[in-house]
Amino acid sequence: MSNFIVPAIVIIVLIVFFTMVPVGLWITARFSGVNISMGSLVAMRFRRLNPSLIVNALIKSHQAGLEIRTEDLESHYLAGGNINQVVDALIAAERANIDLTFEQAAAIDLAGRNVFEAVQVSVTPKVINTPVIAAVAKNGIEVKVIAKVTVRANIERLVGGAGEETIIARVGEGIVTTVGSAKSHAEVLENPDNISQTVLLKGLDSGTAYEILSIDIADVDVGRNVGAELQRDQAEADKNIAQAKAEERRAQAIALEQENRAKVVAAEAKIPEAISKAFEDGNLGIMDYYNMKNINADTKMRESLSDVDSGDMDV
């Protein structure tokens, strides 16, 4: 049985050795011209690093003629950075004669920006399409504008610089201001290039990660007559106010009429009491009272006859 124990121990030792020591990776690095010791590769595993990722990045940079220290790649990896993206960006910057250091590239990557894409935009400008921007000229006519903004990444301002949303917002604000200062929409339609020239002179790329190369007006359309709509809405509001005031005056008149009727009823209720007092004081006789009753009866009869006559005439 001892004959089986020794080979088993040897096999286990070999498995542990080849698991902990990436011999194949070390051979690949040596043949690629990357001078890295096997002890360093083993130490990477103990530091919870990915030796394959580090070595491949070193091989890529060495083949491109870049000298990057292993310690820099390890620290950037441990910081949560994308070392492949950083190395690709450095290679692209080297080919395009852009001055970009490893520290700058690492800082841009850790800031959450795609450093490789930023280098590409520095070489080949990028076109940003704005949404439809609505502005109103002085004559009240709405003008709808779509612009194309050509930008180039500014490597030095990528860390801490504003992004595309800020560029679009500033261009939109500049277009609204320029159209709003025009006397009429016809002036804007005749010379749309005035918009781009005016907006471009405002220095809208200040504090952003981009440099604006040009602003081109892609489309200009006429929208609503905002001035007329505002006047119509104001007239409607004035009419509603006038109707409300008229209704208020009518309600006051009705209330006053009802109040006067109440006063008349209250006064009529005092008539019997006044007649009784007049009898007691001797100011009113029996014949005077009957004459007054006859006059009232005659008045009511005349009123009823007049109502009948008016009804016959209507028929």
Protein backbone atom coordinates (compact mmCIF):
# COMPACT_ATOMS: atom_id res chain seq x y z
CA MET A 1 0.00 0.00 0.00
CA SER A 2 2.97 2.29 0.60
CA ASN A 3 3.74 1.87 -3.09
CA PHE A 4 0.53 3.78 -3.86
CA ILE A 5 0.92 6.50 -1.21
CA VAL A 6 4.13 8.01 -2.59
CA PRO A 7 2.86 8.40 -6.19
CA ALA A 8 -0.39 9.85 -4.86
CA ILE A 9 1.48 12.43 -2.80
CA VAL A 10 3.62 13.32 -5.81
CA ILE A 11 0.52 13.75 -7.98
CA ILE A 12 -1.14 15.97 -5.36
CA VAL A 13 1.99 18.11 -5.05
CA LEU A 14 2.19 18.51 -8.81
CA ILE A 15 -1.47 19.48 -9.03
CA VAL A 16 -1.04 22.09 -6.31
CA PHE A 17 2.15 23.35 -7.94
CA PHE A 18 0.64 23.81 -11.38
CA THR A 19 -2.51 25.31 -9.82
CA MET A 20 -0.61 27.89 -7.83
CA VAL A 21 2.21 28.45 -10.34
CA PRO A 22 1.00 29.48 -13.84
CA VAL A 23 3.91 27.91 -15.70
CA GLY A 24 2.22 28.19 -19.07
CA LEU A 25 1.52 31.88 -18.54
CA TRP A 26 5.12 32.48 -17.47
CA ILE A 27 6.40 30.74 -20.62
CA THR A 28 4.08 32.85 -22.79
CA ALA A 29 5.29 36.03 -21.12
CA ARG A 30 8.97 35.10 -21.58
CA PHE A 31 8.54 34.29 -25.26
CA SER A 32 6.64 37.58 -25.74
CA GLY A 33 9.53 39.57 -24.31
CA VAL A 34 7.89 40.41 -20.99
CA ASN A 35 10.34 39.99 -18.16
CA ILE A 36 8.30 38.76 -15.20
CA SER A 37 9.32 36.23 -12.61
CA MET A 38 7.37 33.16 -11.63
CA GLY A 39 7.41 34.36 -8.05
CA SER A 40 5.57 37.51 -9.12
CA LEU A 41 2.88 35.42 -10.79
CA VAL A 42 2.46 33.32 -7.67
CA ALA A 43 2.31 36.47 -5.53
CA MET A 44 -0.46 37.81 -7.77
CA ARG A 45 -2.63 34.85 -6.86
CA PHE A 46 -2.08 35.49 -3.16
CA ARG A 47 -3.03 39.17 -3.70
CA ARG A 48 -6.28 38.04 -5.36
CA LEU A 49 -5.21 39.31 -8.76
CA ASN A 50 -5.80 37.75 -12.17
CA PRO A 51 -2.30 36.90 -13.46
CA SER A 52 -3.59 36.14 -16.95
CA LEU A 53 -5.23 39.57 -17.24
CA ILE A 54 -2.12 41.37 -15.99
CA VAL A 55 0.28 39.41 -18.22
CA ASN A 56 -1.88 39.83 -21.34
CA ALA A 57 -2.00 43.59 -20.75
CA LEU A 58 1.80 43.64 -20.33
CA ILE A 59 2.28 41.65 -23.53
CA LYS A 60 -0.07 43.95 -25.45
CA SER A 61 1.69 47.11 -24.25
CA HIS A 62 5.17 45.62 -24.86
CA GLN A 63 4.31 44.68 -28.42
CA ALA A 64 3.06 48.25 -28.99
CA GLY A 65 6.30 49.70 -27.67
CA LEU A 66 4.87 51.03 -24.42
CA GLU A 67 6.60 50.64 -21.10
CA ILE A 68 4.04 50.05 -18.35
CA ARG A 69 5.02 48.88 -14.92
CA THR A 70 3.41 45.77 -13.48
CA GLU A 71 2.76 47.61 -10.22
CA ASP A 72 0.70 50.26 -12.03
CA LEU A 73 -1.51 47.64 -13.67
CA GLU A 74 -1.96 45.81 -10.38
CA SER A 75 -2.94 48.96 -8.47
CA HIS A 76 -5.39 50.00 -11.18
CA TYR A 77 -6.94 46.51 -11.21
CA LEU A 78 -7.30 46.51 -7.42
CA ALA A 79 -8.94 49.97 -7.63
CA GLY A 80 -11.65 48.49 -9.83
CA GLY A 81 -10.34 49.82 -13.14
CA ASN A 82 -10.40 48.22 -16.57
CA ILE A 83 -6.74 47.64 -17.40
CA ASN A 84 -7.45 46.34 -20.89
CA GLN A 85 -9.36 49.51 -21.76
CA VAL A 86 -6.57 51.68 -20.35
CA VAL A 87 -3.87 49.83 -22.32
CA ASP A 88 -5.96 50.01 -25.52
CA ALA A 89 -6.41 53.75 -24.99
CA LEU A 90 -2.67 54.26 -24.46
CA ILE A 91 -1.87 52.31 -27.65
CA ALA A 92 -4.44 54.33 -29.64
CA ALA A 93 -3.08 57.60 -28.23
CA GLU A 94 0.47 56.56 -29.12
CA ARG A 95 -0.55 55.81 -32.70
CA ALA A 96 -2.41 59.15 -32.98
CA ASN A 97 0.44 61.19 -31.42
CA ILE A 98 -1.77 62.21 -28.50
CA ASP A 99 0.03 62.94 -25.27
CA LEU A 100 -1.64 60.58 -22.77
CA THR A 101 0.07 59.16 -19.70
CA PHE A 102 -0.92 56.05 -17.79
CA GLU A 103 -1.95 58.16 -14.81
CA GLN A 104 -4.29 60.25 -16.95
CA ALA A 105 -5.82 57.21 -18.62
CA ALA A 106 -6.29 55.46 -15.28
CA ALA A 107 -7.93 58.55 -13.76
CA ILE A 108 -10.32 58.87 -16.70
CA ASP A 109 -11.20 55.17 -16.45
CA LEU A 110 -11.83 55.36 -12.70
CA ALA A 111 -14.00 58.45 -13.27
CA GLY A 112 -16.43 56.20 -15.13
CA ARG A 113 -15.65 57.33 -18.67
CA ASN A 114 -14.68 55.11 -21.56
CA VAL A 115 -11.09 56.24 -22.01
CA PHE A 116 -10.61 54.28 -25.24
CA GLU A 117 -13.71 55.89 -26.77
CA ALA A 118 -12.48 59.28 -25.58
CA VAL A 119 -9.19 58.80 -27.46
CA GLN A 120 -11.13 57.76 -30.56
CA VAL A 121 -13.32 60.89 -30.32
CA SER A 122 -10.16 62.97 -29.97
CA VAL A 123 -8.92 61.53 -33.27
CA THR A 124 -12.26 61.34 -35.08
CA PRO A 125 -14.78 64.07 -34.04
CA LYS A 126 -18.22 62.97 -32.95
CA VAL A 127 -21.56 64.38 -34.13
CA ILE A 128 -24.26 64.97 -31.50
CA ASN A 129 -27.83 65.39 -32.77
CA THR A 130 -30.01 67.68 -30.69
CA PRO A 131 -33.71 67.01 -30.20
CA VAL A 132 -36.28 69.37 -31.70
CA ILE A 133 -35.74 72.77 -30.06
CA ALA A 134 -38.77 75.07 -30.09
CA ALA A 135 -38.25 78.84 -29.84
CA VAL A 136 -40.49 81.86 -30.45
CA ALA A 137 -39.49 84.92 -32.49
CA LYS A 138 -40.57 88.44 -31.56
CA ASN A 139 -43.58 88.30 -33.90
CA GLY A 140 -44.99 85.37 -31.90
CA ILE A 141 -44.33 82.62 -34.46
CA GLU A 142 -42.77 79.40 -33.15
CA VAL A 143 -39.67 78.04 -34.92
CA LYS A 144 -38.55 74.42 -34.50
CA VAL A 145 -34.83 73.79 -34.97
CA ILE A 146 -32.71 70.61 -35.11
CA ALA A 147 -28.93 71.07 -34.90
CA LYS A 148 -25.90 68.82 -35.37
CA VAL A 149 -23.03 69.57 -32.98
CA THR A 150 -19.57 68.31 -33.98
CA VAL A 151 -17.37 67.80 -30.92
CA ARG A 152 -13.93 66.49 -30.13
CA ALA A 153 -12.97 65.02 -26.77
CA ASN A 154 -10.70 67.13 -24.61
CA ILE A 155 -8.43 64.68 -22.81
CA GLU A 156 -7.37 67.19 -20.17
CA ARG A 157 -10.98 67.95 -19.18
CA LEU A 158 -12.37 64.42 -19.27
CA VAL A 159 -12.01 64.12 -15.50
CA GLY A 160 -14.54 66.47 -13.94
CA GLY A 161 -15.81 67.83 -17.27
CA ALA A 162 -19.51 67.85 -18.16
CA GLY A 163 -20.86 65.38 -20.71
CA GLU A 164 -23.01 65.38 -23.83
CA GLU A 165 -26.20 66.32 -21.96
CA THR A 166 -24.65 69.65 -20.95
CA ILE A 167 -23.56 70.34 -24.54
CA ILE A 168 -27.09 69.66 -25.82
CA ALA A 169 -28.66 71.81 -23.08
CA ARG A 170 -26.34 74.75 -23.75
CA VAL A 171 -26.82 74.57 -27.52
CA GLY A 172 -30.59 74.47 -26.99
CA GLU A 173 -30.43 77.50 -24.74
CA GLY A 174 -28.32 79.37 -27.30
CA ILE A 175 -30.77 78.55 -30.11
CA VAL A 176 -33.76 79.70 -28.03
CA THR A 177 -32.01 82.98 -27.20
CA THR A 178 -30.96 83.61 -30.81
CA VAL A 179 -34.40 82.87 -32.27
CA GLY A 180 -36.07 84.91 -29.53
CA SER A 181 -34.00 87.97 -30.45
CA ALA A 182 -35.02 87.75 -34.13
CA LYS A 183 -37.69 90.26 -35.25
CA SER A 184 -39.67 87.64 -37.17
CA HIS A 185 -39.60 83.95 -38.01
CA ALA A 186 -38.95 84.86 -41.65
CA GLU A 187 -35.60 86.31 -40.63
CA VAL A 188 -34.65 82.98 -39.05
CA LEU A 189 -35.80 80.98 -42.06
CA GLU A 190 -33.87 83.20 -44.48
CA ASN A 191 -30.56 82.96 -42.60
CA PRO A 192 -30.44 79.79 -40.46
CA ASP A 193 -26.62 79.93 -40.48
CA ASN A 194 -26.86 83.03 -38.26
CA ILE A 195 -28.10 80.75 -35.49
CA SER A 196 -25.09 78.45 -35.66
CA GLN A 197 -22.63 81.34 -35.89
CA THR A 198 -24.18 83.18 -32.93
CA VAL A 199 -24.39 80.08 -30.77
CA LEU A 200 -20.85 78.99 -31.64
CA LEU A 201 -19.44 82.32 -30.42
CA LYS A 202 -20.93 81.82 -26.93
CA GLY A 203 -18.19 79.40 -25.80
CA LEU A 204 -20.62 76.67 -24.87
CA ASP A 205 -17.90 74.03 -24.40
CA SER A 206 -16.46 75.76 -21.33
CA GLY A 207 -16.19 73.33 -18.42
CA THR A 208 -17.17 70.32 -20.54
CA ALA A 209 -15.19 67.27 -21.62
CA TYR A 210 -15.53 68.26 -25.27
CA GLU A 211 -14.43 70.94 -27.68
CA ILE A 212 -17.16 72.16 -30.02
CA LEU A 213 -15.86 72.30 -33.59
CA SER A 214 -19.04 73.34 -35.38
CA ILE A 215 -22.80 73.73 -34.96
CA ASP A 216 -24.83 73.04 -38.10
CA ILE A 217 -28.55 73.63 -38.46
CA ALA A 218 -30.03 70.43 -39.89
CA ASP A 219 -33.70 71.46 -40.07
CA VAL A 220 -35.87 74.55 -39.47
CA ASP A 221 -39.68 74.39 -39.43
CA VAL A 222 -42.44 76.86 -38.61
CA GLY A 223 -44.61 75.86 -35.66
CA ARG A 224 -47.60 77.45 -33.95
CA ASN A 225 -48.60 81.10 -33.82
CA VAL A 226 -47.88 81.37 -30.12
CA GLY A 227 -48.61 85.11 -30.03
CA ALA A 228 -52.10 84.66 -31.45
CA GLU A 229 -52.80 81.78 -29.08
CA LEU A 230 -51.76 83.88 -26.12
CA GLN A 231 -53.99 86.76 -27.25
CA ARG A 232 -56.90 84.34 -27.72
CA ASP A 233 -56.36 82.84 -24.28
CA GLN A 234 -56.16 86.34 -22.77
CA ALA A 235 -59.39 87.38 -24.51
CA GLU A 236 -61.10 84.23 -23.24
CA ALA A 237 -59.86 84.97 -19.72
CA ASP A 238 -61.10 88.59 -19.94
CA LYS A 239 -64.51 87.37 -21.14
CA ASN A 240 -64.79 84.93 -18.26
CA ILE A 241 -63.86 87.70 -15.81
CA ALA A 242 -66.45 90.05 -17.31
CA GLN A 243 -69.14 87.34 -17.14
CA ALA A 244 -68.27 86.64 -13.53
CA LYS A 245 -68.52 90.33 -12.64
CA ALA A 246 -71.86 90.64 -14.49
CA GLU A 247 -73.20 87.60 -12.65
CA GLU A 248 -72.07 89.14 -9.39
CA ARG A 249 -73.91 92.42 -10.17
CA ARG A 250 -77.06 90.48 -11.15
CA ALA A 251 -76.97 88.53 -7.90
CA GLN A 252 -76.57 91.78 -5.96
CA ALA A 253 -79.56 93.30 -7.81
CA ILE A 254 -81.72 90.25 -7.06
CA ALA A 255 -80.71 90.37 -3.43
CA LEU A 256 -81.55 94.08 -3.23
CA GLU A 257 -84.95 93.49 -4.87
CA GLN A 258 -85.78 90.73 -2.42
CA GLU A 259 -84.69 92.92 0.45
CA ASN A 260 -86.99 95.75 -0.73
CA ARG A 261 -89.90 93.32 -1.12
CA ALA A 262 -89.32 92.13 2.40
CA LYS A 263 -89.45 95.72 3.61
CA VAL A 264 -92.76 96.25 1.74
CA VAL A 265 -94.25 93.11 3.26
CA ALA A 266 -93.07 94.20 6.69
CA ALA A 267 -94.62 97.64 6.15
CA GLU A 268 -97.94 96.14 4.93
CA ALA A 269 -98.05 93.98 8.04
CA LYS A 270 -98.19 97.14 10.14
CA ILE A 271 -101.25 98.58 8.28
CA PRO A 272 -103.96 96.83 10.39
CA GLU A 273 -102.20 97.98 13.53
CA ALA A 274 -102.09 101.55 12.21
CA ILE A 275 -105.80 101.45 11.25
CA SER A 276 -106.72 100.16 14.71
CA LYS A 277 -104.73 102.92 16.36
CA ALA A 278 -106.36 105.51 14.06
CA PHE A 279 -109.82 104.27 15.20
CA GLU A 280 -108.80 104.54 18.83
CA ASP A 281 -107.38 108.03 18.40
CA GLY A 282 -110.43 109.21 16.43
CA ASN A 283 -108.41 109.98 13.32
CA LEU A 284 -110.38 107.50 11.19
CA GLY A 285 -114.13 107.10 11.00
CA ILE A 286 -116.29 104.16 9.97
CA MET A 287 -117.25 105.77 6.66
CA ASP A 288 -113.63 106.56 5.89
CA TYR A 289 -112.70 102.96 6.52
CA TYR A 290 -115.48 101.64 4.22
CA ASN A 291 -114.54 104.12 1.50
CA MET A 292 -110.94 102.89 1.69
CA LYS A 293 -112.14 99.28 1.43
CA ASN A 294 -114.26 100.15 -1.61
CA ILE A 295 -111.31 101.87 -3.28
CA ASN A 296 -109.13 98.77 -2.68
CA ALA A 297 -111.81 96.47 -4.06
CA ASP A 298 -112.26 98.69 -7.11
CA THR A 299 -108.50 98.72 -7.69
CA LYS A 300 -108.28 94.91 -7.51
CA MET A 301 -111.17 94.58 -9.95
CA ARG A 302 -109.58 96.92 -12.41
CA GLU A 303 -106.30 94.98 -12.16
CA SER A 304 -108.09 91.66 -12.78
CA LEU A 305 -109.95 93.11 -15.78
CA SER A 306 -106.73 94.46 -17.22
CA ASP A 307 -105.12 91.01 -16.85
CA VAL A 308 -108.06 89.38 -18.67
CA ASP A 309 -107.92 91.94 -21.49
CA SER A 310 -104.21 91.46 -21.96
CA GLY A 311 -104.77 87.65 -22.07
CA ASP A 312 -107.40 88.01 -24.80
CA MET A 313 -105.10 90.19 -26.84
CA ASP A 314 -102.35 87.59 -26.62
CA VAL A 315 -104.73 84.91 -27.94
